[in-house]
Amino acid sequence: METLKAHGLILLATFLIAGSFIASANVTGQVHPVSLNLLRFVIASACSLPAVLLNKRYRKQIPSVFPRSFIISFFYCGYFVCLFAALLTTTVINTGTLYTLTPFITALLSVVLLKQAIGLKRTLVYILGVVGTLWVVFKGDLAAFQSLSLNSGDMLFMLGVLSMCGYTLALKLLYRQDSVVVLTCCTLMGGTIWMALAAIAFGIPLQWNLLTPGDYVNLLYLAIGTTLVTSYLFQKASITLTPNNVTAYIYLSPACVAVLDYVVNGITLSNTILFGIVLSMVATFLLQAMSYLKQK
């Protein structure tokens, strides 16, 4: 029952993250993305901190939880910093393509750190997931895929992919029966510190005064829906699930974006994209089924 609930939490988080792509597109381009993400973490931390500080049992856990959460948040923020730095010299299509490697790289790292074997069948399913995701990203256009070329920005984003893998693994390795509320809050506070350091290191001005009321509405969704809530959901689910289980849902991310784009903006899904969505769904289901059968 707990395992089923954890899968539901990750699926919900995947849809919330998919919504962040739509919300991000609606935020003005006048403010640097690192500054925007710093504001996301500030808002999310401000929303979660009172729940921890007003509870005596939670307050007592902060000294022991924060150092580990600070490490977790390093990997979490490392992904965003690498993404935005990479986008200065590469494209969204390139980063979206490379991001599909996250589940497989996580599986390889799990072999080393968690002693979890992959096996030929699971490897083939990972390949199926990559194919399905790329099918959605490139809308089934083989010529567009063949024209893909990698550059220095793509190499930088690969560090971001490794950071996302590290984030998932760190959640599993550094959890010590902590309250997920405290763990989430401390991770967000750590994220605020790391993003502030990134802004200082890159010399990025805040310029939050340039944001419109509409921008702040979208930022509230990004801060609460896809930073605070998804951090909680991922950390809650990671207690029960393996890193491989968690990252497998990445294959559904482009599909969720396509579905939400249809619901929110009325953009019709072509049969070509639906085929890729089906492949991604099949791969995700098979990976979860394999893990379940292995546990049995």
Protein backbone atom coordinates (compact mmCIF):
# COMPACT_ATOMS: atom_id res chain seq x y z
CA MET A 1 0.00 0.00 0.00
CA GLU A 2 2.83 2.39 0.90
CA THR A 3 4.59 1.58 -2.38
CA LEU A 4 1.44 2.29 -4.38
CA LYS A 5 0.97 5.58 -2.54
CA ALA A 6 4.59 6.54 -3.25
CA HIS A 7 4.09 5.92 -6.99
CA GLY A 8 1.02 8.15 -6.86
CA LEU A 9 3.04 10.92 -5.21
CA ILE A 10 5.74 10.77 -7.89
CA LEU A 11 3.13 10.77 -10.66
CA LEU A 12 1.49 13.87 -9.13
CA ALA A 13 4.92 15.53 -8.85
CA THR A 14 5.60 14.73 -12.53
CA PHE A 15 2.40 16.52 -13.58
CA LEU A 16 3.18 19.51 -11.34
CA ILE A 17 6.66 19.78 -12.86
CA ALA A 18 5.15 19.55 -16.34
CA GLY A 19 2.95 22.51 -15.43
CA SER A 20 6.08 24.47 -14.51
CA PHE A 21 7.15 24.52 -18.17
CA ILE A 22 3.90 26.28 -19.09
CA ALA A 23 4.13 28.66 -16.12
CA SER A 24 7.80 29.43 -16.88
CA ALA A 25 6.89 30.33 -20.46
CA ASN A 26 4.45 32.93 -19.09
CA VAL A 27 7.05 34.70 -16.94
CA THR A 28 8.75 37.74 -18.42
CA GLY A 29 12.16 37.25 -19.99
CA GLN A 30 13.50 40.49 -18.52
CA VAL A 31 14.77 38.81 -15.35
CA HIS A 32 17.62 36.30 -15.41
CA PRO A 33 16.49 32.68 -14.79
CA VAL A 34 18.92 32.24 -11.87
CA SER A 35 17.38 35.30 -10.19
CA LEU A 36 13.88 33.91 -10.84
CA ASN A 37 14.85 30.56 -9.31
CA LEU A 38 16.36 32.29 -6.30
CA LEU A 39 13.00 34.02 -5.81
CA ARG A 40 11.27 30.63 -6.18
CA PHE A 41 13.36 29.21 -3.35
CA VAL A 42 12.87 32.30 -1.19
CA ILE A 43 9.07 32.09 -1.53
CA ALA A 44 9.00 28.31 -1.02
CA SER A 45 11.25 28.56 2.06
CA ALA A 46 9.13 31.37 3.51
CA CYS A 47 6.01 29.21 3.11
CA SER A 48 7.51 26.11 4.71
CA LEU A 49 9.56 27.67 7.53
CA PRO A 50 6.65 28.68 9.84
CA ALA A 51 5.32 25.09 9.89
CA VAL A 52 8.72 23.94 11.20
CA LEU A 53 9.52 26.78 13.59
CA LEU A 54 6.09 26.67 15.27
CA ASN A 55 6.42 22.96 16.05
CA LYS A 56 8.81 22.13 18.91
CA ARG A 57 9.45 18.57 17.68
CA TYR A 58 10.32 19.85 14.22
CA ARG A 59 12.58 22.62 15.57
CA LYS A 60 14.68 20.09 17.46
CA GLN A 61 15.41 18.20 14.24
CA ILE A 62 16.81 21.20 12.32
CA PRO A 63 20.44 20.95 13.62
CA SER A 64 20.75 17.31 12.57
CA VAL A 65 18.73 17.54 9.34
CA PHE A 66 20.08 20.76 7.84
CA PRO A 67 23.68 19.60 7.10
CA ARG A 68 22.36 16.62 5.11
CA SER A 69 19.68 18.73 3.44
CA PHE A 70 22.34 21.24 2.45
CA ILE A 71 24.12 18.48 0.51
CA ILE A 72 20.84 17.35 -1.08
CA SER A 73 20.00 20.92 -2.12
CA PHE A 74 23.47 21.31 -3.68
CA PHE A 75 22.61 18.64 -6.26
CA TYR A 76 19.08 20.03 -6.69
CA CYS A 77 20.33 23.56 -7.38
CA GLY A 78 23.29 22.29 -9.38
CA TYR A 79 20.84 21.03 -11.98
CA PHE A 80 19.16 24.44 -12.37
CA VAL A 81 22.44 26.38 -12.47
CA CYS A 82 23.87 24.05 -15.14
CA LEU A 83 20.62 24.20 -17.12
CA PHE A 84 20.47 27.99 -17.26
CA ALA A 85 24.19 28.38 -17.89
CA ALA A 86 23.97 25.77 -20.68
CA LEU A 87 21.02 27.51 -22.33
CA LEU A 88 23.29 30.45 -23.07
CA THR A 89 25.03 28.34 -25.72
CA THR A 90 22.60 25.49 -26.47
CA THR A 91 18.90 24.91 -27.14
CA VAL A 92 15.89 23.66 -25.18
CA ILE A 93 15.64 20.72 -27.61
CA ASN A 94 19.22 19.68 -26.85
CA THR A 95 18.74 19.88 -23.08
CA GLY A 96 15.43 18.02 -23.34
CA THR A 97 17.16 15.28 -25.30
CA LEU A 98 20.06 14.91 -22.89
CA TYR A 99 17.67 14.90 -19.92
CA THR A 100 16.28 11.57 -21.13
CA LEU A 101 19.59 9.99 -20.08
CA THR A 102 18.84 10.72 -16.39
CA PRO A 103 17.04 7.44 -15.54
CA PHE A 104 19.71 5.25 -17.15
CA ILE A 105 22.62 7.16 -15.57
CA THR A 106 20.85 6.95 -12.20
CA ALA A 107 20.56 3.19 -12.69
CA LEU A 108 24.30 2.95 -13.44
CA LEU A 109 25.16 4.99 -10.34
CA SER A 110 22.80 2.83 -8.28
CA VAL A 111 24.84 -0.21 -9.29
CA VAL A 112 27.93 1.40 -7.72
CA LEU A 113 26.39 3.16 -4.70
CA LEU A 114 23.38 0.98 -3.85
CA LYS A 115 24.52 -2.35 -5.33
CA GLN A 116 21.40 -2.59 -7.50
CA ALA A 117 21.84 -4.67 -10.67
CA ILE A 118 20.35 -3.44 -13.96
CA GLY A 119 20.15 -6.49 -16.22
CA LEU A 120 19.60 -6.76 -19.97
CA LYS A 121 15.77 -6.57 -19.84
CA ARG A 122 15.80 -3.38 -17.78
CA THR A 123 18.43 -1.86 -20.07
CA LEU A 124 16.20 -2.53 -23.09
CA VAL A 125 13.27 -0.88 -21.33
CA TYR A 126 15.41 2.17 -20.58
CA ILE A 127 16.19 2.38 -24.28
CA LEU A 128 12.45 2.12 -25.05
CA GLY A 129 11.80 4.99 -22.64
CA VAL A 130 14.46 7.15 -24.29
CA VAL A 131 12.95 6.42 -27.73
CA GLY A 132 9.43 7.30 -26.54
CA THR A 133 10.55 10.51 -24.88
CA LEU A 134 12.64 11.63 -27.87
CA TRP A 135 9.71 10.83 -30.13
CA VAL A 136 7.62 13.36 -28.20
CA VAL A 137 10.46 15.92 -28.00
CA PHE A 138 11.10 15.81 -31.77
CA LYS A 139 7.42 15.18 -32.66
CA GLY A 140 8.41 12.07 -34.61
CA ASP A 141 10.58 14.07 -37.02
CA LEU A 142 13.62 11.89 -37.78
CA ALA A 143 15.27 14.69 -39.77
CA ALA A 144 15.09 17.01 -36.76
CA PHE A 145 16.74 14.36 -34.59
CA GLN A 146 19.48 13.75 -37.17
CA SER A 147 20.23 17.48 -37.26
CA LEU A 148 20.95 17.45 -33.51
CA SER A 149 24.51 18.57 -32.78
CA LEU A 150 26.16 18.86 -29.39
CA ASN A 151 28.30 21.77 -28.18
CA SER A 152 30.02 23.03 -25.03
CA GLY A 153 26.66 24.02 -23.54
CA ASP A 154 25.47 20.45 -23.89
CA MET A 155 28.55 19.18 -22.08
CA LEU A 156 27.78 21.64 -19.29
CA PHE A 157 24.18 20.43 -19.12
CA MET A 158 25.46 16.86 -18.73
CA LEU A 159 26.82 18.04 -15.38
CA GLY A 160 23.25 19.16 -14.66
CA VAL A 161 21.96 15.70 -15.56
CA LEU A 162 24.52 14.18 -13.17
CA SER A 163 23.36 16.66 -10.51
CA MET A 164 19.75 15.49 -10.92
CA CYS A 165 20.92 11.88 -10.59
CA GLY A 166 22.89 12.91 -7.51
CA TYR A 167 19.81 14.60 -6.04
CA THR A 168 17.74 11.42 -6.31
CA LEU A 169 20.51 9.25 -4.90
CA ALA A 170 21.28 11.72 -2.09
CA LEU A 171 17.64 11.62 -0.99
CA LYS A 172 17.96 7.88 -0.53
CA LEU A 173 21.45 7.78 0.97
CA LEU A 174 21.09 10.69 3.42
CA TYR A 175 17.62 9.97 4.80
CA ARG A 176 17.72 9.11 8.53
CA GLN A 177 14.08 8.61 9.52
CA ASP A 178 13.66 12.39 9.54
CA SER A 179 10.37 14.22 9.35
CA VAL A 180 9.75 14.86 5.65
CA VAL A 181 8.39 18.32 6.55
CA VAL A 182 11.69 19.27 8.19
CA LEU A 183 13.75 17.63 5.44
CA THR A 184 11.81 19.56 2.77
CA CYS A 185 12.09 22.88 4.59
CA CYS A 186 15.82 22.50 5.19
CA THR A 187 16.38 21.48 1.57
CA LEU A 188 14.57 24.60 0.38
CA MET A 189 16.57 26.82 2.75
CA GLY A 190 19.75 25.17 1.51
CA GLY A 191 18.56 25.76 -2.05
CA THR A 192 18.07 29.45 -1.29
CA ILE A 193 21.67 29.69 -0.10
CA TRP A 194 23.07 27.84 -3.11
CA MET A 195 21.05 29.91 -5.61
CA ALA A 196 22.14 33.13 -3.87
CA LEU A 197 25.77 31.99 -4.16
CA ALA A 198 25.22 31.22 -7.86
CA ALA A 199 23.76 34.70 -8.43
CA ILE A 200 26.76 36.28 -6.70
CA ALA A 201 29.27 34.05 -8.54
CA PHE A 202 27.78 34.87 -11.96
CA GLY A 203 27.23 38.55 -11.07
CA ILE A 204 23.49 38.30 -11.77
CA PRO A 205 21.31 41.25 -10.61
CA LEU A 206 18.01 40.40 -8.94
CA GLN A 207 15.78 42.86 -10.87
CA TRP A 208 12.66 41.52 -9.12
CA ASN A 209 11.13 45.00 -9.52
CA LEU A 210 10.74 44.26 -13.25
CA LEU A 211 8.24 41.47 -12.58
CA THR A 212 4.58 42.15 -13.35
CA PRO A 213 1.60 41.00 -11.22
CA GLY A 214 1.03 38.25 -13.79
CA ASP A 215 4.63 37.14 -13.41
CA TYR A 216 4.17 36.82 -9.66
CA VAL A 217 1.07 34.65 -10.14
CA ASN A 218 3.10 32.24 -12.25
CA LEU A 219 6.00 32.43 -9.80
CA LEU A 220 3.70 31.51 -6.92
CA TYR A 221 2.78 28.34 -8.83
CA LEU A 222 6.46 27.67 -9.53
CA ALA A 223 7.46 28.32 -5.90
CA ILE A 224 4.63 26.47 -4.17
CA GLY A 225 3.45 23.95 -6.74
CA THR A 226 6.72 22.91 -8.32
CA THR A 227 9.29 23.72 -5.64
CA LEU A 228 7.72 23.32 -2.21
CA VAL A 229 5.13 20.64 -3.02
CA THR A 230 7.22 18.59 -5.45
CA SER A 231 10.21 18.64 -3.06
CA TYR A 232 7.95 17.23 -0.37
CA LEU A 233 6.45 14.64 -2.74
CA PHE A 234 9.84 13.48 -4.03
CA GLN A 235 11.31 13.22 -0.55
CA LYS A 236 8.25 11.43 0.80
CA ALA A 237 8.24 8.92 -2.07
CA SER A 238 12.02 8.42 -2.01
CA ILE A 239 11.73 6.92 1.47
CA THR A 240 9.84 3.96 -0.04
CA LEU A 241 10.98 3.82 -3.66
CA THR A 242 14.44 3.28 -5.15
CA PRO A 243 16.14 6.05 -7.16
CA ASN A 244 15.50 3.95 -10.28
CA ASN A 245 11.75 3.93 -9.56
CA VAL A 246 11.71 7.69 -9.04
CA THR A 247 13.71 8.72 -12.11
CA ALA A 248 11.77 6.35 -14.41
CA TYR A 249 8.90 8.84 -14.31
CA ILE A 250 11.10 11.34 -16.15
CA TYR A 251 10.13 9.49 -19.33
CA LEU A 252 6.57 10.73 -18.78
CA SER A 253 7.61 14.39 -18.42
CA PRO A 254 7.35 15.41 -22.12
CA ALA A 255 4.09 13.47 -22.37
CA CYS A 256 2.66 15.31 -19.33
CA VAL A 257 3.71 18.64 -20.84
CA ALA A 258 1.96 17.74 -24.11
CA VAL A 259 -1.22 16.69 -22.28
CA LEU A 260 -1.29 19.82 -20.09
CA ASP A 261 -0.61 21.99 -23.14
CA TYR A 262 -3.70 20.45 -24.69
CA VAL A 263 -5.82 21.01 -21.56
CA VAL A 264 -4.58 24.54 -20.81
CA ASN A 265 -3.87 25.96 -24.27
CA GLY A 266 -6.00 23.69 -26.46
CA ILE A 267 -3.02 22.53 -28.54
CA THR A 268 -4.12 19.32 -30.27
CA LEU A 269 -2.06 16.17 -29.83
CA SER A 270 -1.20 14.52 -33.14
CA ASN A 271 -1.22 10.75 -33.60
CA THR A 272 2.57 10.94 -33.96
CA ILE A 273 2.97 12.51 -30.50
CA LEU A 274 0.41 10.11 -29.01
CA PHE A 275 2.54 7.20 -30.26
CA GLY A 276 5.56 8.59 -28.40
CA ILE A 277 3.45 9.12 -25.26
CA VAL A 278 2.31 5.49 -25.38
CA LEU A 279 5.93 4.29 -25.70
CA SER A 280 6.96 6.41 -22.69
CA MET A 281 4.02 5.09 -20.64
CA VAL A 282 4.84 1.48 -21.52
CA ALA A 283 8.51 1.93 -20.59
CA THR A 284 7.64 3.57 -17.26
CA PHE A 285 5.12 0.84 -16.42
CA LEU A 286 7.58 -1.95 -17.30
CA LEU A 287 10.34 -0.42 -15.16
CA GLN A 288 8.01 -0.16 -12.16
CA ALA A 289 6.66 -3.69 -12.75
CA MET A 290 10.20 -5.10 -12.89
CA SER A 291 11.09 -3.47 -9.58
CA TYR A 292 7.88 -4.76 -7.99
CA LEU A 293 8.43 -8.34 -9.20
CA LYS A 294 12.03 -8.25 -7.99
CA GLN A 295 10.88 -7.20 -4.51
CA LYS A 296 8.34 -10.01 -4.46
